[in-house]
Amino acid sequence: MELAGEARERLAAIPGVTVYGPTI
């Protein structure tokens, strides 16, 4: 959970990247 949560935040911050899946 910790690793995926950080990955989600870091990838979403890259211009043009759309991340899918739960936000909770």
PDBML (XML) file of the C-alpha atoms, coordinates in Angstrom:
<?xml version="1.0" encoding="UTF-8" ?>
<PDBx:datablock datablockName="MODEL"
   xmlns:PDBx="http://pdbml.pdb.org/schema/pdbx-v50.xsd"
   xmlns:xsi="http://www.w3.org/2001/XMLSchema-instance"
   xsi:schemaLocation="http://pdbml.pdb.org/schema/pdbx-v50.xsd pdbx-v50.xsd">
   <PDBx:atom_siteCategory>
      <PDBx:atom_site id="1">
         <PDBx:B_iso_or_equiv>0.00</PDBx:B_iso_or_equiv>
         <PDBx:Cartn_x>0.000</PDBx:Cartn_x>
         <PDBx:Cartn_y>0.000</PDBx:Cartn_y>
         <PDBx:Cartn_z>0.000</PDBx:Cartn_z>
         <PDBx:auth_asym_id>A</PDBx:auth_asym_id>
         <PDBx:auth_atom_id>CA</PDBx:auth_atom_id>
         <PDBx:auth_comp_id>MET</PDBx:auth_comp_id>
         <PDBx:auth_seq_id>1</PDBx:auth_seq_id>
         <PDBx:group_PDB>ATOM</PDBx:group_PDB>
         <PDBx:label_alt_id xsi:nil="true" />
         <PDBx:label_asym_id>A</PDBx:label_asym_id>
         <PDBx:label_atom_id>CA</PDBx:label_atom_id>
         <PDBx:label_comp_id>MET</PDBx:label_comp_id>
         <PDBx:label_entity_id>1</PDBx:label_entity_id>
         <PDBx:label_seq_id>1</PDBx:label_seq_id>
         <PDBx:occupancy>1.00</PDBx:occupancy>
         <PDBx:pdbx_PDB_model_num>1</PDBx:pdbx_PDB_model_num>
         <PDBx:type_symbol>C</PDBx:type_symbol>
      </PDBx:atom_site>
      <PDBx:atom_site id="2">
         <PDBx:B_iso_or_equiv>0.00</PDBx:B_iso_or_equiv>
         <PDBx:Cartn_x>2.789</PDBx:Cartn_x>
         <PDBx:Cartn_y>2.443</PDBx:Cartn_y>
         <PDBx:Cartn_z>0.873</PDBx:Cartn_z>
         <PDBx:auth_asym_id>A</PDBx:auth_asym_id>
         <PDBx:auth_atom_id>CA</PDBx:auth_atom_id>
         <PDBx:auth_comp_id>GLU</PDBx:auth_comp_id>
         <PDBx:auth_seq_id>2</PDBx:auth_seq_id>
         <PDBx:group_PDB>ATOM</PDBx:group_PDB>
         <PDBx:label_alt_id xsi:nil="true" />
         <PDBx:label_asym_id>A</PDBx:label_asym_id>
         <PDBx:label_atom_id>CA</PDBx:label_atom_id>
         <PDBx:label_comp_id>GLU</PDBx:label_comp_id>
         <PDBx:label_entity_id>1</PDBx:label_entity_id>
         <PDBx:label_seq_id>2</PDBx:label_seq_id>
         <PDBx:occupancy>1.00</PDBx:occupancy>
         <PDBx:pdbx_PDB_model_num>1</PDBx:pdbx_PDB_model_num>
         <PDBx:type_symbol>C</PDBx:type_symbol>
      </PDBx:atom_site>
      <PDBx:atom_site id="3">
         <PDBx:B_iso_or_equiv>0.00</PDBx:B_iso_or_equiv>
         <PDBx:Cartn_x>4.772</PDBx:Cartn_x>
         <PDBx:Cartn_y>1.749</PDBx:Cartn_y>
         <PDBx:Cartn_z>-2.277</PDBx:Cartn_z>
         <PDBx:auth_asym_id>A</PDBx:auth_asym_id>
         <PDBx:auth_atom_id>CA</PDBx:auth_atom_id>
         <PDBx:auth_comp_id>LEU</PDBx:auth_comp_id>
         <PDBx:auth_seq_id>3</PDBx:auth_seq_id>
         <PDBx:group_PDB>ATOM</PDBx:group_PDB>
         <PDBx:label_alt_id xsi:nil="true" />
         <PDBx:label_asym_id>A</PDBx:label_asym_id>
         <PDBx:label_atom_id>CA</PDBx:label_atom_id>
         <PDBx:label_comp_id>LEU</PDBx:label_comp_id>
         <PDBx:label_entity_id>1</PDBx:label_entity_id>
         <PDBx:label_seq_id>3</PDBx:label_seq_id>
         <PDBx:occupancy>1.00</PDBx:occupancy>
         <PDBx:pdbx_PDB_model_num>1</PDBx:pdbx_PDB_model_num>
         <PDBx:type_symbol>C</PDBx:type_symbol>
      </PDBx:atom_site>
      <PDBx:atom_site id="4">
         <PDBx:B_iso_or_equiv>0.00</PDBx:B_iso_or_equiv>
         <PDBx:Cartn_x>1.776</PDBx:Cartn_x>
         <PDBx:Cartn_y>1.877</PDBx:Cartn_y>
         <PDBx:Cartn_z>-4.622</PDBx:Cartn_z>
         <PDBx:auth_asym_id>A</PDBx:auth_asym_id>
         <PDBx:auth_atom_id>CA</PDBx:auth_atom_id>
         <PDBx:auth_comp_id>ALA</PDBx:auth_comp_id>
         <PDBx:auth_seq_id>4</PDBx:auth_seq_id>
         <PDBx:group_PDB>ATOM</PDBx:group_PDB>
         <PDBx:label_alt_id xsi:nil="true" />
         <PDBx:label_asym_id>A</PDBx:label_asym_id>
         <PDBx:label_atom_id>CA</PDBx:label_atom_id>
         <PDBx:label_comp_id>ALA</PDBx:label_comp_id>
         <PDBx:label_entity_id>1</PDBx:label_entity_id>
         <PDBx:label_seq_id>4</PDBx:label_seq_id>
         <PDBx:occupancy>1.00</PDBx:occupancy>
         <PDBx:pdbx_PDB_model_num>1</PDBx:pdbx_PDB_model_num>
         <PDBx:type_symbol>C</PDBx:type_symbol>
      </PDBx:atom_site>
      <PDBx:atom_site id="5">
         <PDBx:B_iso_or_equiv>0.00</PDBx:B_iso_or_equiv>
         <PDBx:Cartn_x>0.496</PDBx:Cartn_x>
         <PDBx:Cartn_y>5.028</PDBx:Cartn_y>
         <PDBx:Cartn_z>-2.935</PDBx:Cartn_z>
         <PDBx:auth_asym_id>A</PDBx:auth_asym_id>
         <PDBx:auth_atom_id>CA</PDBx:auth_atom_id>
         <PDBx:auth_comp_id>GLY</PDBx:auth_comp_id>
         <PDBx:auth_seq_id>5</PDBx:auth_seq_id>
         <PDBx:group_PDB>ATOM</PDBx:group_PDB>
         <PDBx:label_alt_id xsi:nil="true" />
         <PDBx:label_asym_id>A</PDBx:label_asym_id>
         <PDBx:label_atom_id>CA</PDBx:label_atom_id>
         <PDBx:label_comp_id>GLY</PDBx:label_comp_id>
         <PDBx:label_entity_id>1</PDBx:label_entity_id>
         <PDBx:label_seq_id>5</PDBx:label_seq_id>
         <PDBx:occupancy>1.00</PDBx:occupancy>
         <PDBx:pdbx_PDB_model_num>1</PDBx:pdbx_PDB_model_num>
         <PDBx:type_symbol>C</PDBx:type_symbol>
      </PDBx:atom_site>
      <PDBx:atom_site id="6">
         <PDBx:B_iso_or_equiv>0.00</PDBx:B_iso_or_equiv>
         <PDBx:Cartn_x>3.785</PDBx:Cartn_x>
         <PDBx:Cartn_y>6.838</PDBx:Cartn_y>
         <PDBx:Cartn_z>-3.446</PDBx:Cartn_z>
         <PDBx:auth_asym_id>A</PDBx:auth_asym_id>
         <PDBx:auth_atom_id>CA</PDBx:auth_atom_id>
         <PDBx:auth_comp_id>GLU</PDBx:auth_comp_id>
         <PDBx:auth_seq_id>6</PDBx:auth_seq_id>
         <PDBx:group_PDB>ATOM</PDBx:group_PDB>
         <PDBx:label_alt_id xsi:nil="true" />
         <PDBx:label_asym_id>A</PDBx:label_asym_id>
         <PDBx:label_atom_id>CA</PDBx:label_atom_id>
         <PDBx:label_comp_id>GLU</PDBx:label_comp_id>
         <PDBx:label_entity_id>1</PDBx:label_entity_id>
         <PDBx:label_seq_id>6</PDBx:label_seq_id>
         <PDBx:occupancy>1.00</PDBx:occupancy>
         <PDBx:pdbx_PDB_model_num>1</PDBx:pdbx_PDB_model_num>
         <PDBx:type_symbol>C</PDBx:type_symbol>
      </PDBx:atom_site>
      <PDBx:atom_site id="7">
         <PDBx:B_iso_or_equiv>0.00</PDBx:B_iso_or_equiv>
         <PDBx:Cartn_x>4.043</PDBx:Cartn_x>
         <PDBx:Cartn_y>5.549</PDBx:Cartn_y>
         <PDBx:Cartn_z>-7.014</PDBx:Cartn_z>
         <PDBx:auth_asym_id>A</PDBx:auth_asym_id>
         <PDBx:auth_atom_id>CA</PDBx:auth_atom_id>
         <PDBx:auth_comp_id>ALA</PDBx:auth_comp_id>
         <PDBx:auth_seq_id>7</PDBx:auth_seq_id>
         <PDBx:group_PDB>ATOM</PDBx:group_PDB>
         <PDBx:label_alt_id xsi:nil="true" />
         <PDBx:label_asym_id>A</PDBx:label_asym_id>
         <PDBx:label_atom_id>CA</PDBx:label_atom_id>
         <PDBx:label_comp_id>ALA</PDBx:label_comp_id>
         <PDBx:label_entity_id>1</PDBx:label_entity_id>
         <PDBx:label_seq_id>7</PDBx:label_seq_id>
         <PDBx:occupancy>1.00</PDBx:occupancy>
         <PDBx:pdbx_PDB_model_num>1</PDBx:pdbx_PDB_model_num>
         <PDBx:type_symbol>C</PDBx:type_symbol>
      </PDBx:atom_site>
      <PDBx:atom_site id="8">
         <PDBx:B_iso_or_equiv>0.00</PDBx:B_iso_or_equiv>
         <PDBx:Cartn_x>0.572</PDBx:Cartn_x>
         <PDBx:Cartn_y>6.854</PDBx:Cartn_y>
         <PDBx:Cartn_z>-7.777</PDBx:Cartn_z>
         <PDBx:auth_asym_id>A</PDBx:auth_asym_id>
         <PDBx:auth_atom_id>CA</PDBx:auth_atom_id>
         <PDBx:auth_comp_id>ARG</PDBx:auth_comp_id>
         <PDBx:auth_seq_id>8</PDBx:auth_seq_id>
         <PDBx:group_PDB>ATOM</PDBx:group_PDB>
         <PDBx:label_alt_id xsi:nil="true" />
         <PDBx:label_asym_id>A</PDBx:label_asym_id>
         <PDBx:label_atom_id>CA</PDBx:label_atom_id>
         <PDBx:label_comp_id>ARG</PDBx:label_comp_id>
         <PDBx:label_entity_id>1</PDBx:label_entity_id>
         <PDBx:label_seq_id>8</PDBx:label_seq_id>
         <PDBx:occupancy>1.00</PDBx:occupancy>
         <PDBx:pdbx_PDB_model_num>1</PDBx:pdbx_PDB_model_num>
         <PDBx:type_symbol>C</PDBx:type_symbol>
      </PDBx:atom_site>
      <PDBx:atom_site id="9">
         <PDBx:B_iso_or_equiv>0.00</PDBx:B_iso_or_equiv>
         <PDBx:Cartn_x>1.443</PDBx:Cartn_x>
         <PDBx:Cartn_y>10.336</PDBx:Cartn_y>
         <PDBx:Cartn_z>-6.491</PDBx:Cartn_z>
         <PDBx:auth_asym_id>A</PDBx:auth_asym_id>
         <PDBx:auth_atom_id>CA</PDBx:auth_atom_id>
         <PDBx:auth_comp_id>GLU</PDBx:auth_comp_id>
         <PDBx:auth_seq_id>9</PDBx:auth_seq_id>
         <PDBx:group_PDB>ATOM</PDBx:group_PDB>
         <PDBx:label_alt_id xsi:nil="true" />
         <PDBx:label_asym_id>A</PDBx:label_asym_id>
         <PDBx:label_atom_id>CA</PDBx:label_atom_id>
         <PDBx:label_comp_id>GLU</PDBx:label_comp_id>
         <PDBx:label_entity_id>1</PDBx:label_entity_id>
         <PDBx:label_seq_id>9</PDBx:label_seq_id>
         <PDBx:occupancy>1.00</PDBx:occupancy>
         <PDBx:pdbx_PDB_model_num>1</PDBx:pdbx_PDB_model_num>
         <PDBx:type_symbol>C</PDBx:type_symbol>
      </PDBx:atom_site>
      <PDBx:atom_site id="10">
         <PDBx:B_iso_or_equiv>0.00</PDBx:B_iso_or_equiv>
         <PDBx:Cartn_x>4.770</PDBx:Cartn_x>
         <PDBx:Cartn_y>10.519</PDBx:Cartn_y>
         <PDBx:Cartn_z>-8.280</PDBx:Cartn_z>
         <PDBx:auth_asym_id>A</PDBx:auth_asym_id>
         <PDBx:auth_atom_id>CA</PDBx:auth_atom_id>
         <PDBx:auth_comp_id>ARG</PDBx:auth_comp_id>
         <PDBx:auth_seq_id>10</PDBx:auth_seq_id>
         <PDBx:group_PDB>ATOM</PDBx:group_PDB>
         <PDBx:label_alt_id xsi:nil="true" />
         <PDBx:label_asym_id>A</PDBx:label_asym_id>
         <PDBx:label_atom_id>CA</PDBx:label_atom_id>
         <PDBx:label_comp_id>ARG</PDBx:label_comp_id>
         <PDBx:label_entity_id>1</PDBx:label_entity_id>
         <PDBx:label_seq_id>10</PDBx:label_seq_id>
         <PDBx:occupancy>1.00</PDBx:occupancy>
         <PDBx:pdbx_PDB_model_num>1</PDBx:pdbx_PDB_model_num>
         <PDBx:type_symbol>C</PDBx:type_symbol>
      </PDBx:atom_site>
      <PDBx:atom_site id="11">
         <PDBx:B_iso_or_equiv>0.00</PDBx:B_iso_or_equiv>
         <PDBx:Cartn_x>3.457</PDBx:Cartn_x>
         <PDBx:Cartn_y>9.283</PDBx:Cartn_y>
         <PDBx:Cartn_z>-11.628</PDBx:Cartn_z>
         <PDBx:auth_asym_id>A</PDBx:auth_asym_id>
         <PDBx:auth_atom_id>CA</PDBx:auth_atom_id>
         <PDBx:auth_comp_id>LEU</PDBx:auth_comp_id>
         <PDBx:auth_seq_id>11</PDBx:auth_seq_id>
         <PDBx:group_PDB>ATOM</PDBx:group_PDB>
         <PDBx:label_alt_id xsi:nil="true" />
         <PDBx:label_asym_id>A</PDBx:label_asym_id>
         <PDBx:label_atom_id>CA</PDBx:label_atom_id>
         <PDBx:label_comp_id>LEU</PDBx:label_comp_id>
         <PDBx:label_entity_id>1</PDBx:label_entity_id>
         <PDBx:label_seq_id>11</PDBx:label_seq_id>
         <PDBx:occupancy>1.00</PDBx:occupancy>
         <PDBx:pdbx_PDB_model_num>1</PDBx:pdbx_PDB_model_num>
         <PDBx:type_symbol>C</PDBx:type_symbol>
      </PDBx:atom_site>
      <PDBx:atom_site id="12">
         <PDBx:B_iso_or_equiv>0.00</PDBx:B_iso_or_equiv>
         <PDBx:Cartn_x>0.392</PDBx:Cartn_x>
         <PDBx:Cartn_y>11.538</PDBx:Cartn_y>
         <PDBx:Cartn_z>-11.554</PDBx:Cartn_z>
         <PDBx:auth_asym_id>A</PDBx:auth_asym_id>
         <PDBx:auth_atom_id>CA</PDBx:auth_atom_id>
         <PDBx:auth_comp_id>ALA</PDBx:auth_comp_id>
         <PDBx:auth_seq_id>12</PDBx:auth_seq_id>
         <PDBx:group_PDB>ATOM</PDBx:group_PDB>
         <PDBx:label_alt_id xsi:nil="true" />
         <PDBx:label_asym_id>A</PDBx:label_asym_id>
         <PDBx:label_atom_id>CA</PDBx:label_atom_id>
         <PDBx:label_comp_id>ALA</PDBx:label_comp_id>
         <PDBx:label_entity_id>1</PDBx:label_entity_id>
         <PDBx:label_seq_id>12</PDBx:label_seq_id>
         <PDBx:occupancy>1.00</PDBx:occupancy>
         <PDBx:pdbx_PDB_model_num>1</PDBx:pdbx_PDB_model_num>
         <PDBx:type_symbol>C</PDBx:type_symbol>
      </PDBx:atom_site>
      <PDBx:atom_site id="13">
         <PDBx:B_iso_or_equiv>0.00</PDBx:B_iso_or_equiv>
         <PDBx:Cartn_x>2.694</PDBx:Cartn_x>
         <PDBx:Cartn_y>14.532</PDBx:Cartn_y>
         <PDBx:Cartn_z>-11.105</PDBx:Cartn_z>
         <PDBx:auth_asym_id>A</PDBx:auth_asym_id>
         <PDBx:auth_atom_id>CA</PDBx:auth_atom_id>
         <PDBx:auth_comp_id>ALA</PDBx:auth_comp_id>
         <PDBx:auth_seq_id>13</PDBx:auth_seq_id>
         <PDBx:group_PDB>ATOM</PDBx:group_PDB>
         <PDBx:label_alt_id xsi:nil="true" />
         <PDBx:label_asym_id>A</PDBx:label_asym_id>
         <PDBx:label_atom_id>CA</PDBx:label_atom_id>
         <PDBx:label_comp_id>ALA</PDBx:label_comp_id>
         <PDBx:label_entity_id>1</PDBx:label_entity_id>
         <PDBx:label_seq_id>13</PDBx:label_seq_id>
         <PDBx:occupancy>1.00</PDBx:occupancy>
         <PDBx:pdbx_PDB_model_num>1</PDBx:pdbx_PDB_model_num>
         <PDBx:type_symbol>C</PDBx:type_symbol>
      </PDBx:atom_site>
      <PDBx:atom_site id="14">
         <PDBx:B_iso_or_equiv>0.00</PDBx:B_iso_or_equiv>
         <PDBx:Cartn_x>4.378</PDBx:Cartn_x>
         <PDBx:Cartn_y>13.880</PDBx:Cartn_y>
         <PDBx:Cartn_z>-14.465</PDBx:Cartn_z>
         <PDBx:auth_asym_id>A</PDBx:auth_asym_id>
         <PDBx:auth_atom_id>CA</PDBx:auth_atom_id>
         <PDBx:auth_comp_id>ILE</PDBx:auth_comp_id>
         <PDBx:auth_seq_id>14</PDBx:auth_seq_id>
         <PDBx:group_PDB>ATOM</PDBx:group_PDB>
         <PDBx:label_alt_id xsi:nil="true" />
         <PDBx:label_asym_id>A</PDBx:label_asym_id>
         <PDBx:label_atom_id>CA</PDBx:label_atom_id>
         <PDBx:label_comp_id>ILE</PDBx:label_comp_id>
         <PDBx:label_entity_id>1</PDBx:label_entity_id>
         <PDBx:label_seq_id>14</PDBx:label_seq_id>
         <PDBx:occupancy>1.00</PDBx:occupancy>
         <PDBx:pdbx_PDB_model_num>1</PDBx:pdbx_PDB_model_num>
         <PDBx:type_symbol>C</PDBx:type_symbol>
      </PDBx:atom_site>
      <PDBx:atom_site id="15">
         <PDBx:B_iso_or_equiv>0.00</PDBx:B_iso_or_equiv>
         <PDBx:Cartn_x>2.778</PDBx:Cartn_x>
         <PDBx:Cartn_y>15.994</PDBx:Cartn_y>
         <PDBx:Cartn_z>-17.248</PDBx:Cartn_z>
         <PDBx:auth_asym_id>A</PDBx:auth_asym_id>
         <PDBx:auth_atom_id>CA</PDBx:auth_atom_id>
         <PDBx:auth_comp_id>PRO</PDBx:auth_comp_id>
         <PDBx:auth_seq_id>15</PDBx:auth_seq_id>
         <PDBx:group_PDB>ATOM</PDBx:group_PDB>
         <PDBx:label_alt_id xsi:nil="true" />
         <PDBx:label_asym_id>A</PDBx:label_asym_id>
         <PDBx:label_atom_id>CA</PDBx:label_atom_id>
         <PDBx:label_comp_id>PRO</PDBx:label_comp_id>
         <PDBx:label_entity_id>1</PDBx:label_entity_id>
         <PDBx:label_seq_id>15</PDBx:label_seq_id>
         <PDBx:occupancy>1.00</PDBx:occupancy>
         <PDBx:pdbx_PDB_model_num>1</PDBx:pdbx_PDB_model_num>
         <PDBx:type_symbol>C</PDBx:type_symbol>
      </PDBx:atom_site>
      <PDBx:atom_site id="16">
         <PDBx:B_iso_or_equiv>0.00</PDBx:B_iso_or_equiv>
         <PDBx:Cartn_x>0.583</PDBx:Cartn_x>
         <PDBx:Cartn_y>13.927</PDBx:Cartn_y>
         <PDBx:Cartn_z>-19.575</PDBx:Cartn_z>
         <PDBx:auth_asym_id>A</PDBx:auth_asym_id>
         <PDBx:auth_atom_id>CA</PDBx:auth_atom_id>
         <PDBx:auth_comp_id>GLY</PDBx:auth_comp_id>
         <PDBx:auth_seq_id>16</PDBx:auth_seq_id>
         <PDBx:group_PDB>ATOM</PDBx:group_PDB>
         <PDBx:label_alt_id xsi:nil="true" />
         <PDBx:label_asym_id>A</PDBx:label_asym_id>
         <PDBx:label_atom_id>CA</PDBx:label_atom_id>
         <PDBx:label_comp_id>GLY</PDBx:label_comp_id>
         <PDBx:label_entity_id>1</PDBx:label_entity_id>
         <PDBx:label_seq_id>16</PDBx:label_seq_id>
         <PDBx:occupancy>1.00</PDBx:occupancy>
         <PDBx:pdbx_PDB_model_num>1</PDBx:pdbx_PDB_model_num>
         <PDBx:type_symbol>C</PDBx:type_symbol>
      </PDBx:atom_site>
      <PDBx:atom_site id="17">
         <PDBx:B_iso_or_equiv>0.00</PDBx:B_iso_or_equiv>
         <PDBx:Cartn_x>0.349</PDBx:Cartn_x>
         <PDBx:Cartn_y>10.870</PDBx:Cartn_y>
         <PDBx:Cartn_z>-17.296</PDBx:Cartn_z>
         <PDBx:auth_asym_id>A</PDBx:auth_asym_id>
         <PDBx:auth_atom_id>CA</PDBx:auth_atom_id>
         <PDBx:auth_comp_id>VAL</PDBx:auth_comp_id>
         <PDBx:auth_seq_id>17</PDBx:auth_seq_id>
         <PDBx:group_PDB>ATOM</PDBx:group_PDB>
         <PDBx:label_alt_id xsi:nil="true" />
         <PDBx:label_asym_id>A</PDBx:label_asym_id>
         <PDBx:label_atom_id>CA</PDBx:label_atom_id>
         <PDBx:label_comp_id>VAL</PDBx:label_comp_id>
         <PDBx:label_entity_id>1</PDBx:label_entity_id>
         <PDBx:label_seq_id>17</PDBx:label_seq_id>
         <PDBx:occupancy>1.00</PDBx:occupancy>
         <PDBx:pdbx_PDB_model_num>1</PDBx:pdbx_PDB_model_num>
         <PDBx:type_symbol>C</PDBx:type_symbol>
      </PDBx:atom_site>
      <PDBx:atom_site id="18">
         <PDBx:B_iso_or_equiv>0.00</PDBx:B_iso_or_equiv>
         <PDBx:Cartn_x>-3.107</PDBx:Cartn_x>
         <PDBx:Cartn_y>9.600</PDBx:Cartn_y>
         <PDBx:Cartn_z>-16.327</PDBx:Cartn_z>
         <PDBx:auth_asym_id>A</PDBx:auth_asym_id>
         <PDBx:auth_atom_id>CA</PDBx:auth_atom_id>
         <PDBx:auth_comp_id>THR</PDBx:auth_comp_id>
         <PDBx:auth_seq_id>18</PDBx:auth_seq_id>
         <PDBx:group_PDB>ATOM</PDBx:group_PDB>
         <PDBx:label_alt_id xsi:nil="true" />
         <PDBx:label_asym_id>A</PDBx:label_asym_id>
         <PDBx:label_atom_id>CA</PDBx:label_atom_id>
         <PDBx:label_comp_id>THR</PDBx:label_comp_id>
         <PDBx:label_entity_id>1</PDBx:label_entity_id>
         <PDBx:label_seq_id>18</PDBx:label_seq_id>
         <PDBx:occupancy>1.00</PDBx:occupancy>
         <PDBx:pdbx_PDB_model_num>1</PDBx:pdbx_PDB_model_num>
         <PDBx:type_symbol>C</PDBx:type_symbol>
      </PDBx:atom_site>
      <PDBx:atom_site id="19">
         <PDBx:B_iso_or_equiv>0.00</PDBx:B_iso_or_equiv>
         <PDBx:Cartn_x>-3.254</PDBx:Cartn_x>
         <PDBx:Cartn_y>7.116</PDBx:Cartn_y>
         <PDBx:Cartn_z>-13.446</PDBx:Cartn_z>
         <PDBx:auth_asym_id>A</PDBx:auth_asym_id>
         <PDBx:auth_atom_id>CA</PDBx:auth_atom_id>
         <PDBx:auth_comp_id>VAL</PDBx:auth_comp_id>
         <PDBx:auth_seq_id>19</PDBx:auth_seq_id>
         <PDBx:group_PDB>ATOM</PDBx:group_PDB>
         <PDBx:label_alt_id xsi:nil="true" />
         <PDBx:label_asym_id>A</PDBx:label_asym_id>
         <PDBx:label_atom_id>CA</PDBx:label_atom_id>
         <PDBx:label_comp_id>VAL</PDBx:label_comp_id>
         <PDBx:label_entity_id>1</PDBx:label_entity_id>
         <PDBx:label_seq_id>19</PDBx:label_seq_id>
         <PDBx:occupancy>1.00</PDBx:occupancy>
         <PDBx:pdbx_PDB_model_num>1</PDBx:pdbx_PDB_model_num>
         <PDBx:type_symbol>C</PDBx:type_symbol>
      </PDBx:atom_site>
      <PDBx:atom_site id="20">
         <PDBx:B_iso_or_equiv>0.00</PDBx:B_iso_or_equiv>
         <PDBx:Cartn_x>-6.206</PDBx:Cartn_x>
         <PDBx:Cartn_y>4.747</PDBx:Cartn_y>
         <PDBx:Cartn_z>-13.039</PDBx:Cartn_z>
         <PDBx:auth_asym_id>A</PDBx:auth_asym_id>
         <PDBx:auth_atom_id>CA</PDBx:auth_atom_id>
         <PDBx:auth_comp_id>TYR</PDBx:auth_comp_id>
         <PDBx:auth_seq_id>20</PDBx:auth_seq_id>
         <PDBx:group_PDB>ATOM</PDBx:group_PDB>
         <PDBx:label_alt_id xsi:nil="true" />
         <PDBx:label_asym_id>A</PDBx:label_asym_id>
         <PDBx:label_atom_id>CA</PDBx:label_atom_id>
         <PDBx:label_comp_id>TYR</PDBx:label_comp_id>
         <PDBx:label_entity_id>1</PDBx:label_entity_id>
         <PDBx:label_seq_id>20</PDBx:label_seq_id>
         <PDBx:occupancy>1.00</PDBx:occupancy>
         <PDBx:pdbx_PDB_model_num>1</PDBx:pdbx_PDB_model_num>
         <PDBx:type_symbol>C</PDBx:type_symbol>
      </PDBx:atom_site>
      <PDBx:atom_site id="21">
         <PDBx:B_iso_or_equiv>0.00</PDBx:B_iso_or_equiv>
         <PDBx:Cartn_x>-7.675</PDBx:Cartn_x>
         <PDBx:Cartn_y>2.933</PDBx:Cartn_y>
         <PDBx:Cartn_z>-10.069</PDBx:Cartn_z>
         <PDBx:auth_asym_id>A</PDBx:auth_asym_id>
         <PDBx:auth_atom_id>CA</PDBx:auth_atom_id>
         <PDBx:auth_comp_id>GLY</PDBx:auth_comp_id>
         <PDBx:auth_seq_id>21</PDBx:auth_seq_id>
         <PDBx:group_PDB>ATOM</PDBx:group_PDB>
         <PDBx:label_alt_id xsi:nil="true" />
         <PDBx:label_asym_id>A</PDBx:label_asym_id>
         <PDBx:label_atom_id>CA</PDBx:label_atom_id>
         <PDBx:label_comp_id>GLY</PDBx:label_comp_id>
         <PDBx:label_entity_id>1</PDBx:label_entity_id>
         <PDBx:label_seq_id>21</PDBx:label_seq_id>
         <PDBx:occupancy>1.00</PDBx:occupancy>
         <PDBx:pdbx_PDB_model_num>1</PDBx:pdbx_PDB_model_num>
         <PDBx:type_symbol>C</PDBx:type_symbol>
      </PDBx:atom_site>
      <PDBx:atom_site id="22">
         <PDBx:B_iso_or_equiv>0.00</PDBx:B_iso_or_equiv>
         <PDBx:Cartn_x>-8.772</PDBx:Cartn_x>
         <PDBx:Cartn_y>3.716</PDBx:Cartn_y>
         <PDBx:Cartn_z>-6.510</PDBx:Cartn_z>
         <PDBx:auth_asym_id>A</PDBx:auth_asym_id>
         <PDBx:auth_atom_id>CA</PDBx:auth_atom_id>
         <PDBx:auth_comp_id>PRO</PDBx:auth_comp_id>
         <PDBx:auth_seq_id>22</PDBx:auth_seq_id>
         <PDBx:group_PDB>ATOM</PDBx:group_PDB>
         <PDBx:label_alt_id xsi:nil="true" />
         <PDBx:label_asym_id>A</PDBx:label_asym_id>
         <PDBx:label_atom_id>CA</PDBx:label_atom_id>
         <PDBx:label_comp_id>PRO</PDBx:label_comp_id>
         <PDBx:label_entity_id>1</PDBx:label_entity_id>
         <PDBx:label_seq_id>22</PDBx:label_seq_id>
         <PDBx:occupancy>1.00</PDBx:occupancy>
         <PDBx:pdbx_PDB_model_num>1</PDBx:pdbx_PDB_model_num>
         <PDBx:type_symbol>C</PDBx:type_symbol>
      </PDBx:atom_site>
      <PDBx:atom_site id="23">
         <PDBx:B_iso_or_equiv>0.00</PDBx:B_iso_or_equiv>
         <PDBx:Cartn_x>-7.821</PDBx:Cartn_x>
         <PDBx:Cartn_y>6.983</PDBx:Cartn_y>
         <PDBx:Cartn_z>-4.845</PDBx:Cartn_z>
         <PDBx:auth_asym_id>A</PDBx:auth_asym_id>
         <PDBx:auth_atom_id>CA</PDBx:auth_atom_id>
         <PDBx:auth_comp_id>THR</PDBx:auth_comp_id>
         <PDBx:auth_seq_id>23</PDBx:auth_seq_id>
         <PDBx:group_PDB>ATOM</PDBx:group_PDB>
         <PDBx:label_alt_id xsi:nil="true" />
         <PDBx:label_asym_id>A</PDBx:label_asym_id>
         <PDBx:label_atom_id>CA</PDBx:label_atom_id>
         <PDBx:label_comp_id>THR</PDBx:label_comp_id>
         <PDBx:label_entity_id>1</PDBx:label_entity_id>
         <PDBx:label_seq_id>23</PDBx:label_seq_id>
         <PDBx:occupancy>1.00</PDBx:occupancy>
         <PDBx:pdbx_PDB_model_num>1</PDBx:pdbx_PDB_model_num>
         <PDBx:type_symbol>C</PDBx:type_symbol>
      </PDBx:atom_site>
      <PDBx:atom_site id="24">
         <PDBx:B_iso_or_equiv>0.00</PDBx:B_iso_or_equiv>
         <PDBx:Cartn_x>-8.562</PDBx:Cartn_x>
         <PDBx:Cartn_y>5.643</PDBx:Cartn_y>
         <PDBx:Cartn_z>-1.348</PDBx:Cartn_z>
         <PDBx:auth_asym_id>A</PDBx:auth_asym_id>
         <PDBx:auth_atom_id>CA</PDBx:auth_atom_id>
         <PDBx:auth_comp_id>ILE</PDBx:auth_comp_id>
         <PDBx:auth_seq_id>24</PDBx:auth_seq_id>
         <PDBx:group_PDB>ATOM</PDBx:group_PDB>
         <PDBx:label_alt_id xsi:nil="true" />
         <PDBx:label_asym_id>A</PDBx:label_asym_id>
         <PDBx:label_atom_id>CA</PDBx:label_atom_id>
         <PDBx:label_comp_id>ILE</PDBx:label_comp_id>
         <PDBx:label_entity_id>1</PDBx:label_entity_id>
         <PDBx:label_seq_id>24</PDBx:label_seq_id>
         <PDBx:occupancy>1.00</PDBx:occupancy>
         <PDBx:pdbx_PDB_model_num>1</PDBx:pdbx_PDB_model_num>
         <PDBx:type_symbol>C</PDBx:type_symbol>
      </PDBx:atom_site>
   </PDBx:atom_siteCategory>
</PDBx:datablock>
